[in-house]
Amino acid sequence: MAQDNQLEAWLAQESEVVARIHAGVGAGVATPQMVAGKSGMETMQAMLRGELPYPPIAKTLDFQLLEVDEGRALFQGIPGPAHLNPMGGVHGGWYATLLDSALGCAVHTMMPPGRGYTTAELGVNLVKAINIAKTTRVRAEGKIIHCGRQLATAEARLYGPDGTLYAHATTTCLVFELPK
């Protein structure tokens, strides 16, 4: 019963965020002019308000950014038939992309204006298969471990509404000045 209540809360939050971003500018990539002078946190918050485009990959892989805080990003995803490997399981690339998004966005929230990052290393551990007939949503929560002038590290967990852990990951990102 608690799992059903948790899933209902997850679905309600997802519905609210999706309605807001779809009412905004839609999918795409923000131009340098759109993000000029904004910190990573300000950029991510503007995206969640629908003021900046959300990444097209979110639609392709059926996942959505739901929340950001300083050093934290939360995504929710829907693994479906389009994400299956030849053996009928959810492809490891789907897990990895969802986790990489949570990790990268956690790092993004820490970037001051004019600074960017890129993933240098991604480590993913899949610990349980996602059964798409039984698991309608999963969440990937990324949290910053360290953010310096040149390197940032973060960790993330992928879990279901009942708390089941499906995967966990870490990243090392290179931090740099964005071109003017």
N, C-alpha and C. Protein backbone atom coordinates (compact mmCIF):
# COMPACT_ATOMS: atom_id res chain seq x y z
N MET A 1 0.82 -1.19 0.00
CA MET A 1 0.00 0.00 0.00
C MET A 1 0.87 1.26 0.00
N ALA A 2 1.91 1.27 0.81
CA ALA A 2 2.80 2.44 0.85
C ALA A 2 3.45 2.66 -0.51
N GLN A 3 3.78 1.56 -1.22
CA GLN A 3 4.37 1.67 -2.55
C GLN A 3 3.38 2.33 -3.51
N ASP A 4 2.09 1.98 -3.41
CA ASP A 4 1.07 2.58 -4.26
C ASP A 4 0.97 4.08 -4.00
N ASN A 5 1.00 4.48 -2.73
CA ASN A 5 0.95 5.90 -2.37
C ASN A 5 2.18 6.63 -2.90
N GLN A 6 3.34 5.98 -2.79
CA GLN A 6 4.59 6.58 -3.27
C GLN A 6 4.51 6.78 -4.78
N LEU A 7 4.04 5.76 -5.50
CA LEU A 7 3.92 5.85 -6.95
C LEU A 7 2.94 6.96 -7.34
N GLU A 8 1.82 7.06 -6.62
CA GLU A 8 0.86 8.14 -6.90
C GLU A 8 1.51 9.51 -6.74
N ALA A 9 2.29 9.69 -5.70
CA ALA A 9 2.99 10.96 -5.48
C ALA A 9 3.99 11.23 -6.61
N TRP A 10 4.71 10.18 -7.02
CA TRP A 10 5.68 10.32 -8.12
C TRP A 10 4.97 10.73 -9.41
N LEU A 11 3.84 10.08 -9.70
CA LEU A 11 3.11 10.38 -10.93
C LEU A 11 2.54 11.79 -10.90
N ALA A 12 2.06 12.23 -9.75
CA ALA A 12 1.52 13.59 -9.63
C ALA A 12 2.62 14.63 -9.86
N GLN A 13 3.79 14.41 -9.27
CA GLN A 13 4.90 15.35 -9.47
C GLN A 13 5.32 15.36 -10.93
N GLU A 14 5.43 14.19 -11.54
CA GLU A 14 5.81 14.10 -12.95
C GLU A 14 4.81 14.85 -13.83
N SER A 15 3.53 14.65 -13.59
CA SER A 15 2.48 15.29 -14.38
C SER A 15 2.59 16.81 -14.29
N GLU A 16 2.83 17.32 -13.10
CA GLU A 16 2.97 18.77 -12.90
C GLU A 16 4.17 19.33 -13.66
N VAL A 17 5.31 18.67 -13.57
CA VAL A 17 6.52 19.15 -14.24
C VAL A 17 6.36 19.06 -15.75
N VAL A 18 5.86 17.94 -16.24
CA VAL A 18 5.69 17.76 -17.69
C VAL A 18 4.74 18.81 -18.26
N ALA A 19 3.64 19.09 -17.57
CA ALA A 19 2.70 20.12 -18.04
C ALA A 19 3.39 21.47 -18.13
N ARG A 20 4.19 21.80 -17.13
CA ARG A 20 4.89 23.09 -17.09
C ARG A 20 5.90 23.22 -18.22
N ILE A 21 6.72 22.19 -18.43
CA ILE A 21 7.75 22.31 -19.46
C ILE A 21 7.17 22.25 -20.87
N HIS A 22 6.08 21.50 -21.04
CA HIS A 22 5.45 21.44 -22.36
C HIS A 22 4.70 22.72 -22.68
N ALA A 23 4.26 23.44 -21.67
CA ALA A 23 3.61 24.74 -21.88
C ALA A 23 4.66 25.82 -22.19
N GLY A 24 5.92 25.52 -21.89
CA GLY A 24 7.00 26.47 -22.13
C GLY A 24 7.54 26.36 -23.53
N VAL A 25 8.85 26.50 -23.66
CA VAL A 25 9.48 26.55 -24.99
C VAL A 25 9.66 25.18 -25.63
N GLY A 26 9.46 24.08 -24.89
CA GLY A 26 9.54 22.74 -25.47
C GLY A 26 10.94 22.18 -25.49
N ALA A 27 11.12 21.16 -26.33
CA ALA A 27 12.40 20.46 -26.42
C ALA A 27 13.37 21.25 -27.30
N GLY A 28 14.65 21.09 -27.02
CA GLY A 28 15.68 21.75 -27.80
C GLY A 28 16.94 21.93 -26.98
N VAL A 29 17.80 22.78 -27.47
CA VAL A 29 19.05 23.08 -26.78
C VAL A 29 19.14 24.59 -26.60
N ALA A 30 19.40 25.02 -25.39
CA ALA A 30 19.53 26.45 -25.11
C ALA A 30 20.74 27.02 -25.84
N THR A 31 20.59 28.19 -26.39
CA THR A 31 21.70 28.87 -27.05
C THR A 31 22.58 29.53 -25.99
N PRO A 32 23.83 29.83 -26.32
CA PRO A 32 24.68 30.54 -25.36
C PRO A 32 24.06 31.86 -24.88
N GLN A 33 23.35 32.54 -25.75
CA GLN A 33 22.71 33.79 -25.36
C GLN A 33 21.61 33.57 -24.32
N MET A 34 20.92 32.43 -24.40
CA MET A 34 19.83 32.14 -23.46
C MET A 34 20.35 31.89 -22.04
N VAL A 35 21.57 31.39 -21.94
CA VAL A 35 22.11 31.05 -20.61
C VAL A 35 23.20 32.02 -20.15
N ALA A 36 23.51 33.00 -20.96
CA ALA A 36 24.58 33.97 -20.60
C ALA A 36 24.28 34.61 -19.26
N GLY A 37 25.29 34.62 -18.39
CA GLY A 37 25.16 35.23 -17.07
C GLY A 37 24.44 34.40 -16.04
N LYS A 38 23.93 33.24 -16.43
CA LYS A 38 23.21 32.38 -15.49
C LYS A 38 24.15 31.33 -14.90
N SER A 39 23.95 31.03 -13.64
CA SER A 39 24.66 29.91 -13.03
C SER A 39 24.01 28.62 -13.51
N GLY A 40 24.66 27.51 -13.25
CA GLY A 40 24.07 26.22 -13.60
C GLY A 40 22.75 26.00 -12.89
N MET A 41 22.67 26.40 -11.64
CA MET A 41 21.43 26.25 -10.88
C MET A 41 20.32 27.09 -11.50
N GLU A 42 20.63 28.31 -11.85
CA GLU A 42 19.63 29.18 -12.49
C GLU A 42 19.17 28.61 -13.82
N THR A 43 20.10 28.04 -14.57
CA THR A 43 19.76 27.42 -15.86
C THR A 43 18.83 26.23 -15.66
N MET A 44 19.16 25.37 -14.72
CA MET A 44 18.34 24.18 -14.46
C MET A 44 16.95 24.58 -13.96
N GLN A 45 16.88 25.57 -13.08
CA GLN A 45 15.58 26.02 -12.57
C GLN A 45 14.74 26.63 -13.69
N ALA A 46 15.38 27.40 -14.60
CA ALA A 46 14.66 27.98 -15.74
C ALA A 46 14.11 26.88 -16.64
N MET A 47 14.88 25.81 -16.81
CA MET A 47 14.41 24.68 -17.61
C MET A 47 13.17 24.06 -16.96
N LEU A 48 13.20 23.88 -15.65
CA LEU A 48 12.06 23.29 -14.95
C LEU A 48 10.82 24.19 -14.98
N ARG A 49 11.02 25.49 -15.13
CA ARG A 49 9.89 26.41 -15.25
C ARG A 49 9.37 26.50 -16.68
N GLY A 50 10.07 25.88 -17.63
CA GLY A 50 9.66 25.93 -19.03
C GLY A 50 10.19 27.15 -19.77
N GLU A 51 11.09 27.89 -19.14
CA GLU A 51 11.65 29.10 -19.75
C GLU A 51 12.81 28.80 -20.69
N LEU A 52 13.46 27.67 -20.50
CA LEU A 52 14.53 27.20 -21.37
C LEU A 52 14.12 25.82 -21.90
N PRO A 53 14.61 25.46 -23.08
CA PRO A 53 14.24 24.15 -23.61
C PRO A 53 14.78 23.00 -22.76
N TYR A 54 14.02 21.92 -22.76
CA TYR A 54 14.49 20.70 -22.10
C TYR A 54 15.15 19.83 -23.16
N PRO A 55 16.12 18.99 -22.78
CA PRO A 55 16.86 18.19 -23.76
C PRO A 55 15.96 17.19 -24.50
N PRO A 56 16.08 17.09 -25.82
CA PRO A 56 15.27 16.16 -26.60
C PRO A 56 15.44 14.70 -26.18
N ILE A 57 16.59 14.33 -25.62
CA ILE A 57 16.80 12.94 -25.22
C ILE A 57 15.80 12.51 -24.15
N ALA A 58 15.29 13.47 -23.38
CA ALA A 58 14.31 13.14 -22.35
C ALA A 58 13.06 12.51 -22.97
N LYS A 59 12.66 13.01 -24.11
CA LYS A 59 11.49 12.45 -24.81
C LYS A 59 11.85 11.12 -25.45
N THR A 60 13.02 11.05 -26.05
CA THR A 60 13.46 9.82 -26.72
C THR A 60 13.51 8.64 -25.76
N LEU A 61 14.06 8.87 -24.57
CA LEU A 61 14.25 7.77 -23.62
C LEU A 61 13.22 7.75 -22.48
N ASP A 62 12.19 8.58 -22.59
CA ASP A 62 11.09 8.60 -21.61
C ASP A 62 11.56 8.83 -20.18
N PHE A 63 12.31 9.92 -19.99
CA PHE A 63 12.63 10.32 -18.62
C PHE A 63 12.56 11.83 -18.51
N GLN A 64 12.48 12.32 -17.29
CA GLN A 64 12.25 13.73 -17.06
C GLN A 64 12.96 14.21 -15.80
N LEU A 65 13.62 15.36 -15.90
CA LEU A 65 14.13 16.05 -14.73
C LEU A 65 12.94 16.53 -13.91
N LEU A 66 12.96 16.27 -12.60
CA LEU A 66 11.86 16.68 -11.73
C LEU A 66 12.26 17.75 -10.73
N GLU A 67 13.48 17.66 -10.20
CA GLU A 67 13.90 18.58 -9.14
C GLU A 67 15.39 18.85 -9.25
N VAL A 68 15.78 20.05 -8.84
CA VAL A 68 17.19 20.36 -8.64
C VAL A 68 17.35 21.16 -7.36
N ASP A 69 18.41 20.90 -6.67
CA ASP A 69 18.84 21.66 -5.51
C ASP A 69 20.34 21.82 -5.68
N GLU A 70 20.96 22.60 -4.84
CA GLU A 70 22.40 22.76 -4.94
C GLU A 70 23.07 21.40 -4.75
N GLY A 71 23.76 20.94 -5.81
CA GLY A 71 24.48 19.67 -5.75
C GLY A 71 23.61 18.44 -5.87
N ARG A 72 22.37 18.59 -6.33
CA ARG A 72 21.43 17.45 -6.41
C ARG A 72 20.51 17.60 -7.62
N ALA A 73 20.25 16.48 -8.28
CA ALA A 73 19.28 16.45 -9.38
C ALA A 73 18.50 15.15 -9.31
N LEU A 74 17.20 15.24 -9.57
CA LEU A 74 16.32 14.08 -9.50
C LEU A 74 15.60 13.92 -10.84
N PHE A 75 15.72 12.73 -11.42
CA PHE A 75 15.05 12.37 -12.67
C PHE A 75 14.10 11.22 -12.41
N GLN A 76 13.07 11.12 -13.24
CA GLN A 76 12.16 9.99 -13.19
C GLN A 76 12.02 9.43 -14.60
N GLY A 77 12.03 8.11 -14.71
CA GLY A 77 11.97 7.50 -16.03
C GLY A 77 10.97 6.37 -16.11
N ILE A 78 10.60 6.07 -17.36
CA ILE A 78 9.64 5.02 -17.66
C ILE A 78 10.30 4.04 -18.62
N PRO A 79 10.86 2.94 -18.11
CA PRO A 79 11.43 1.97 -19.04
C PRO A 79 10.30 1.25 -19.78
N GLY A 80 10.43 1.18 -21.08
CA GLY A 80 9.36 0.56 -21.87
C GLY A 80 9.91 -0.34 -22.95
N PRO A 81 9.04 -0.87 -23.78
CA PRO A 81 9.44 -1.79 -24.84
C PRO A 81 10.51 -1.22 -25.79
N ALA A 82 10.50 0.07 -26.00
CA ALA A 82 11.50 0.69 -26.89
C ALA A 82 12.90 0.65 -26.30
N HIS A 83 13.01 0.32 -25.01
CA HIS A 83 14.30 0.33 -24.32
C HIS A 83 14.84 -1.08 -24.05
N LEU A 84 14.23 -2.08 -24.67
CA LEU A 84 14.64 -3.45 -24.41
C LEU A 84 15.82 -3.87 -25.30
N ASN A 85 16.66 -4.73 -24.73
CA ASN A 85 17.77 -5.31 -25.50
C ASN A 85 17.25 -6.57 -26.22
N PRO A 86 18.08 -7.24 -27.02
CA PRO A 86 17.61 -8.42 -27.75
C PRO A 86 17.11 -9.56 -26.87
N MET A 87 17.51 -9.59 -25.59
CA MET A 87 17.06 -10.65 -24.69
C MET A 87 15.79 -10.29 -23.93
N GLY A 88 15.26 -9.07 -24.16
CA GLY A 88 14.02 -8.66 -23.52
C GLY A 88 14.18 -7.91 -22.23
N GLY A 89 15.42 -7.61 -21.83
CA GLY A 89 15.65 -6.82 -20.62
C GLY A 89 15.86 -5.36 -20.97
N VAL A 90 15.70 -4.49 -19.97
CA VAL A 90 15.96 -3.07 -20.20
C VAL A 90 17.45 -2.92 -20.50
N HIS A 91 17.76 -2.27 -21.61
CA HIS A 91 19.15 -2.12 -22.07
C HIS A 91 19.96 -1.34 -21.04
N GLY A 92 21.17 -1.79 -20.80
CA GLY A 92 22.06 -1.12 -19.85
C GLY A 92 22.32 0.33 -20.21
N GLY A 93 22.25 0.66 -21.49
CA GLY A 93 22.43 2.04 -21.92
C GLY A 93 21.33 2.95 -21.40
N TRP A 94 20.12 2.41 -21.22
CA TRP A 94 19.03 3.21 -20.66
C TRP A 94 19.33 3.55 -19.20
N TYR A 95 19.73 2.54 -18.43
CA TYR A 95 20.12 2.77 -17.04
C TYR A 95 21.23 3.85 -17.00
N ALA A 96 22.26 3.62 -17.83
CA ALA A 96 23.44 4.50 -17.82
C ALA A 96 23.09 5.93 -18.20
N THR A 97 22.22 6.11 -19.19
CA THR A 97 21.87 7.45 -19.62
C THR A 97 21.06 8.19 -18.56
N LEU A 98 20.14 7.49 -17.93
CA LEU A 98 19.36 8.11 -16.87
C LEU A 98 20.26 8.50 -15.69
N LEU A 99 21.15 7.60 -15.29
CA LEU A 99 22.08 7.90 -14.20
C LEU A 99 23.05 9.02 -14.59
N ASP A 100 23.58 8.99 -15.82
CA ASP A 100 24.50 10.02 -16.28
C ASP A 100 23.82 11.39 -16.28
N SER A 101 22.55 11.43 -16.62
CA SER A 101 21.80 12.70 -16.60
C SER A 101 21.69 13.24 -15.18
N ALA A 102 21.36 12.37 -14.23
CA ALA A 102 21.25 12.80 -12.83
C ALA A 102 22.61 13.27 -12.30
N LEU A 103 23.66 12.54 -12.64
CA LEU A 103 25.01 12.91 -12.20
C LEU A 103 25.43 14.25 -12.79
N GLY A 104 25.27 14.38 -14.11
CA GLY A 104 25.69 15.60 -14.79
C GLY A 104 24.91 16.81 -14.32
N CYS A 105 23.62 16.65 -14.13
CA CYS A 105 22.82 17.79 -13.69
C CYS A 105 23.13 18.18 -12.24
N ALA A 106 23.49 17.21 -11.41
CA ALA A 106 23.94 17.54 -10.04
C ALA A 106 25.19 18.41 -10.12
N VAL A 107 26.11 18.05 -11.01
CA VAL A 107 27.31 18.87 -11.23
C VAL A 107 26.92 20.22 -11.81
N HIS A 108 26.00 20.23 -12.77
CA HIS A 108 25.57 21.47 -13.42
C HIS A 108 25.08 22.50 -12.41
N THR A 109 24.38 22.04 -11.37
CA THR A 109 23.85 22.97 -10.37
C THR A 109 24.95 23.71 -9.62
N MET A 110 26.16 23.21 -9.68
CA MET A 110 27.29 23.80 -8.95
C MET A 110 28.10 24.77 -9.80
N MET A 111 27.78 24.89 -11.08
CA MET A 111 28.57 25.72 -11.98
C MET A 111 28.21 27.20 -11.84
N PRO A 112 29.21 28.05 -11.60
CA PRO A 112 28.94 29.50 -11.61
C PRO A 112 28.77 29.97 -13.06
N PRO A 113 28.27 31.18 -13.28
CA PRO A 113 28.15 31.69 -14.65
C PRO A 113 29.50 31.60 -15.38
N GLY A 114 29.44 31.18 -16.63
CA GLY A 114 30.65 31.11 -17.45
C GLY A 114 31.45 29.83 -17.30
N ARG A 115 31.00 28.90 -16.47
CA ARG A 115 31.71 27.63 -16.29
C ARG A 115 30.85 26.49 -16.82
N GLY A 116 31.51 25.49 -17.39
CA GLY A 116 30.83 24.32 -17.90
C GLY A 116 31.54 23.06 -17.45
N TYR A 117 31.05 21.93 -17.90
CA TYR A 117 31.63 20.64 -17.50
C TYR A 117 31.37 19.63 -18.60
N THR A 118 32.09 18.54 -18.57
CA THR A 118 31.82 17.40 -19.43
C THR A 118 32.20 16.13 -18.69
N THR A 119 31.50 15.07 -18.96
CA THR A 119 31.79 13.79 -18.32
C THR A 119 33.13 13.26 -18.82
N ALA A 120 34.02 12.96 -17.89
CA ALA A 120 35.32 12.36 -18.24
C ALA A 120 35.29 10.85 -17.94
N GLU A 121 34.52 10.47 -16.94
CA GLU A 121 34.45 9.05 -16.54
C GLU A 121 33.07 8.78 -15.99
N LEU A 122 32.52 7.64 -16.36
CA LEU A 122 31.22 7.22 -15.86
C LEU A 122 31.33 5.75 -15.49
N GLY A 123 30.99 5.42 -14.27
CA GLY A 123 30.98 4.03 -13.81
C GLY A 123 29.58 3.66 -13.38
N VAL A 124 29.03 2.60 -13.96
CA VAL A 124 27.66 2.19 -13.67
C VAL A 124 27.66 0.74 -13.19
N ASN A 125 26.93 0.49 -12.13
CA ASN A 125 26.73 -0.86 -11.61
C ASN A 125 25.25 -1.18 -11.63
N LEU A 126 24.85 -2.15 -12.44
CA LEU A 126 23.47 -2.61 -12.48
C LEU A 126 23.35 -3.74 -11.47
N VAL A 127 22.46 -3.59 -10.50
CA VAL A 127 22.38 -4.59 -9.43
C VAL A 127 21.09 -5.40 -9.47
N LYS A 128 20.10 -4.95 -10.23
CA LYS A 128 18.84 -5.69 -10.34
C LYS A 128 18.18 -5.32 -11.66
N ALA A 129 17.62 -6.32 -12.32
CA ALA A 129 16.92 -6.07 -13.58
C ALA A 129 15.61 -5.35 -13.31
N ILE A 130 15.27 -4.42 -14.21
CA ILE A 130 13.97 -3.75 -14.15
C ILE A 130 12.99 -4.57 -14.97
N ASN A 131 11.91 -4.99 -14.34
CA ASN A 131 10.85 -5.73 -15.02
C ASN A 131 9.82 -4.70 -15.47
N ILE A 132 9.73 -4.43 -16.78
CA ILE A 132 8.85 -3.36 -17.25
C ILE A 132 7.37 -3.67 -17.03
N ALA A 133 7.02 -4.94 -16.84
CA ALA A 133 5.62 -5.27 -16.55
C ALA A 133 5.24 -4.91 -15.12
N LYS A 134 6.22 -4.85 -14.21
CA LYS A 134 5.94 -4.59 -12.80
C LYS A 134 6.42 -3.22 -12.33
N THR A 135 7.41 -2.63 -13.01
CA THR A 135 7.99 -1.36 -12.57
C THR A 135 7.60 -0.28 -13.56
N THR A 136 6.68 0.60 -13.14
CA THR A 136 6.20 1.63 -14.06
C THR A 136 7.05 2.90 -14.05
N ARG A 137 7.77 3.14 -12.97
CA ARG A 137 8.63 4.32 -12.88
C ARG A 137 9.84 3.97 -12.03
N VAL A 138 10.95 4.61 -12.36
CA VAL A 138 12.14 4.56 -11.51
C VAL A 138 12.67 5.99 -11.39
N ARG A 139 13.44 6.22 -10.35
CA ARG A 139 14.05 7.53 -10.13
C ARG A 139 15.56 7.39 -10.07
N ALA A 140 16.23 8.38 -10.64
CA ALA A 140 17.69 8.49 -10.54
C ALA A 140 17.98 9.79 -9.80
N GLU A 141 18.66 9.66 -8.68
CA GLU A 141 19.00 10.83 -7.88
C GLU A 141 20.51 10.97 -7.84
N GLY A 142 20.99 12.08 -8.36
CA GLY A 142 22.41 12.38 -8.38
C GLY A 142 22.77 13.39 -7.32
N LYS A 143 23.91 13.17 -6.67
CA LYS A 143 24.38 14.08 -5.61
C LYS A 143 25.87 14.35 -5.80
N ILE A 144 26.24 15.57 -5.63
CA ILE A 144 27.64 15.98 -5.77
C ILE A 144 28.45 15.41 -4.60
N ILE A 145 29.65 14.98 -4.89
CA ILE A 145 30.59 14.57 -3.86
C ILE A 145 31.62 15.68 -3.66
N HIS A 146 32.15 16.18 -4.78
CA HIS A 146 33.17 17.23 -4.76
C HIS A 146 33.03 18.08 -6.01
N CYS A 147 33.19 19.37 -5.86
CA CYS A 147 33.20 20.24 -7.03
C CYS A 147 34.29 21.28 -6.86
N GLY A 148 35.33 21.17 -7.69
CA GLY A 148 36.44 22.10 -7.65
C GLY A 148 36.54 22.90 -8.94
N ARG A 149 37.64 23.61 -9.10
CA ARG A 149 37.83 24.44 -10.30
C ARG A 149 38.05 23.60 -11.56
N GLN A 150 38.60 22.40 -11.42
CA GLN A 150 38.92 21.60 -12.61
C GLN A 150 38.21 20.25 -12.66
N LEU A 151 37.83 19.72 -11.51
CA LEU A 151 37.17 18.41 -11.45
C LEU A 151 35.96 18.45 -10.54
N ALA A 152 34.96 17.65 -10.90
CA ALA A 152 33.80 17.45 -10.03
C ALA A 152 33.50 15.96 -10.02
N THR A 153 33.06 15.45 -8.88
CA THR A 153 32.65 14.06 -8.78
C THR A 153 31.24 14.01 -8.19
N ALA A 154 30.50 12.99 -8.60
CA ALA A 154 29.13 12.83 -8.11
C ALA A 154 28.78 11.34 -8.07
N GLU A 155 27.72 11.03 -7.33
CA GLU A 155 27.22 9.66 -7.25
C GLU A 155 25.71 9.70 -7.46
N ALA A 156 25.16 8.58 -7.95
CA ALA A 156 23.72 8.51 -8.19
C ALA A 156 23.21 7.11 -7.91
N ARG A 157 21.92 7.04 -7.61
CA ARG A 157 21.24 5.76 -7.38
C ARG A 157 19.97 5.74 -8.22
N LEU A 158 19.65 4.58 -8.77
CA LEU A 158 18.43 4.36 -9.54
C LEU A 158 17.56 3.40 -8.73
N TYR A 159 16.35 3.84 -8.38
CA TYR A 159 15.51 3.05 -7.48
C TYR A 159 14.04 3.15 -7.86
N GLY A 160 13.27 2.19 -7.36
CA GLY A 160 11.83 2.16 -7.60
C GLY A 160 11.05 2.76 -6.46
N PRO A 161 9.71 2.89 -6.62
CA PRO A 161 8.88 3.49 -5.58
C PRO A 161 8.86 2.69 -4.28
N ASP A 162 9.21 1.41 -4.35
CA ASP A 162 9.28 0.59 -3.14
C ASP A 162 10.66 0.63 -2.50
N GLY A 163 11.57 1.44 -3.07
CA GLY A 163 12.92 1.56 -2.53
C GLY A 163 13.92 0.58 -3.13
N THR A 164 13.47 -0.31 -4.02
CA THR A 164 14.38 -1.28 -4.64
C THR A 164 15.47 -0.55 -5.40
N LEU A 165 16.72 -0.91 -5.14
CA LEU A 165 17.85 -0.34 -5.85
C LEU A 165 18.09 -1.16 -7.11
N TYR A 166 18.10 -0.49 -8.27
CA TYR A 166 18.34 -1.16 -9.54
C TYR A 166 19.77 -0.93 -10.05
N ALA A 167 20.33 0.22 -9.74
CA ALA A 167 21.69 0.52 -10.20
C ALA A 167 22.23 1.70 -9.41
N HIS A 168 23.55 1.84 -9.45
CA HIS A 168 24.19 3.02 -8.87
C HIS A 168 25.37 3.38 -9.75
N ALA A 169 25.81 4.64 -9.66
CA ALA A 169 26.84 5.11 -10.56
C ALA A 169 27.66 6.23 -9.93
N THR A 170 28.82 6.45 -10.51
CA THR A 170 29.67 7.58 -10.14
C THR A 170 30.18 8.23 -11.42
N THR A 171 30.58 9.49 -11.28
CA THR A 171 31.16 10.20 -12.41
C THR A 171 32.29 11.10 -11.95
N THR A 172 33.20 11.35 -12.87
CA THR A 172 34.19 12.41 -12.74
C THR A 172 33.98 13.31 -13.94
N CYS A 173 33.82 14.59 -13.68
CA CYS A 173 33.61 15.56 -14.74
C CYS A 173 34.75 16.57 -14.77
N LEU A 174 35.13 16.96 -15.97
CA LEU A 174 36.09 18.04 -16.15
C LEU A 174 35.32 19.34 -16.11
N VAL A 175 35.83 20.32 -15.38
CA VAL A 175 35.19 21.63 -15.24
C VAL A 175 36.08 22.63 -15.96
N PHE A 176 35.46 23.56 -16.72
CA PHE A 176 36.23 24.50 -17.54
C PHE A 176 35.48 25.79 -17.78
N GLU A 177 36.21 26.79 -18.27
CA GLU A 177 35.61 28.05 -18.70
C GLU A 177 34.88 27.84 -20.01
N LEU A 178 33.68 28.36 -20.13
CA LEU A 178 32.96 28.29 -21.41
C LEU A 178 33.53 29.35 -22.36
N PRO A 179 33.53 29.06 -23.65
CA PRO A 179 33.99 30.07 -24.61
C PRO A 179 33.13 31.31 -24.52
N LYS A 180 33.73 32.46 -24.66
CA LYS A 180 32.99 33.73 -24.59
C LYS A 180 32.20 33.95 -25.85
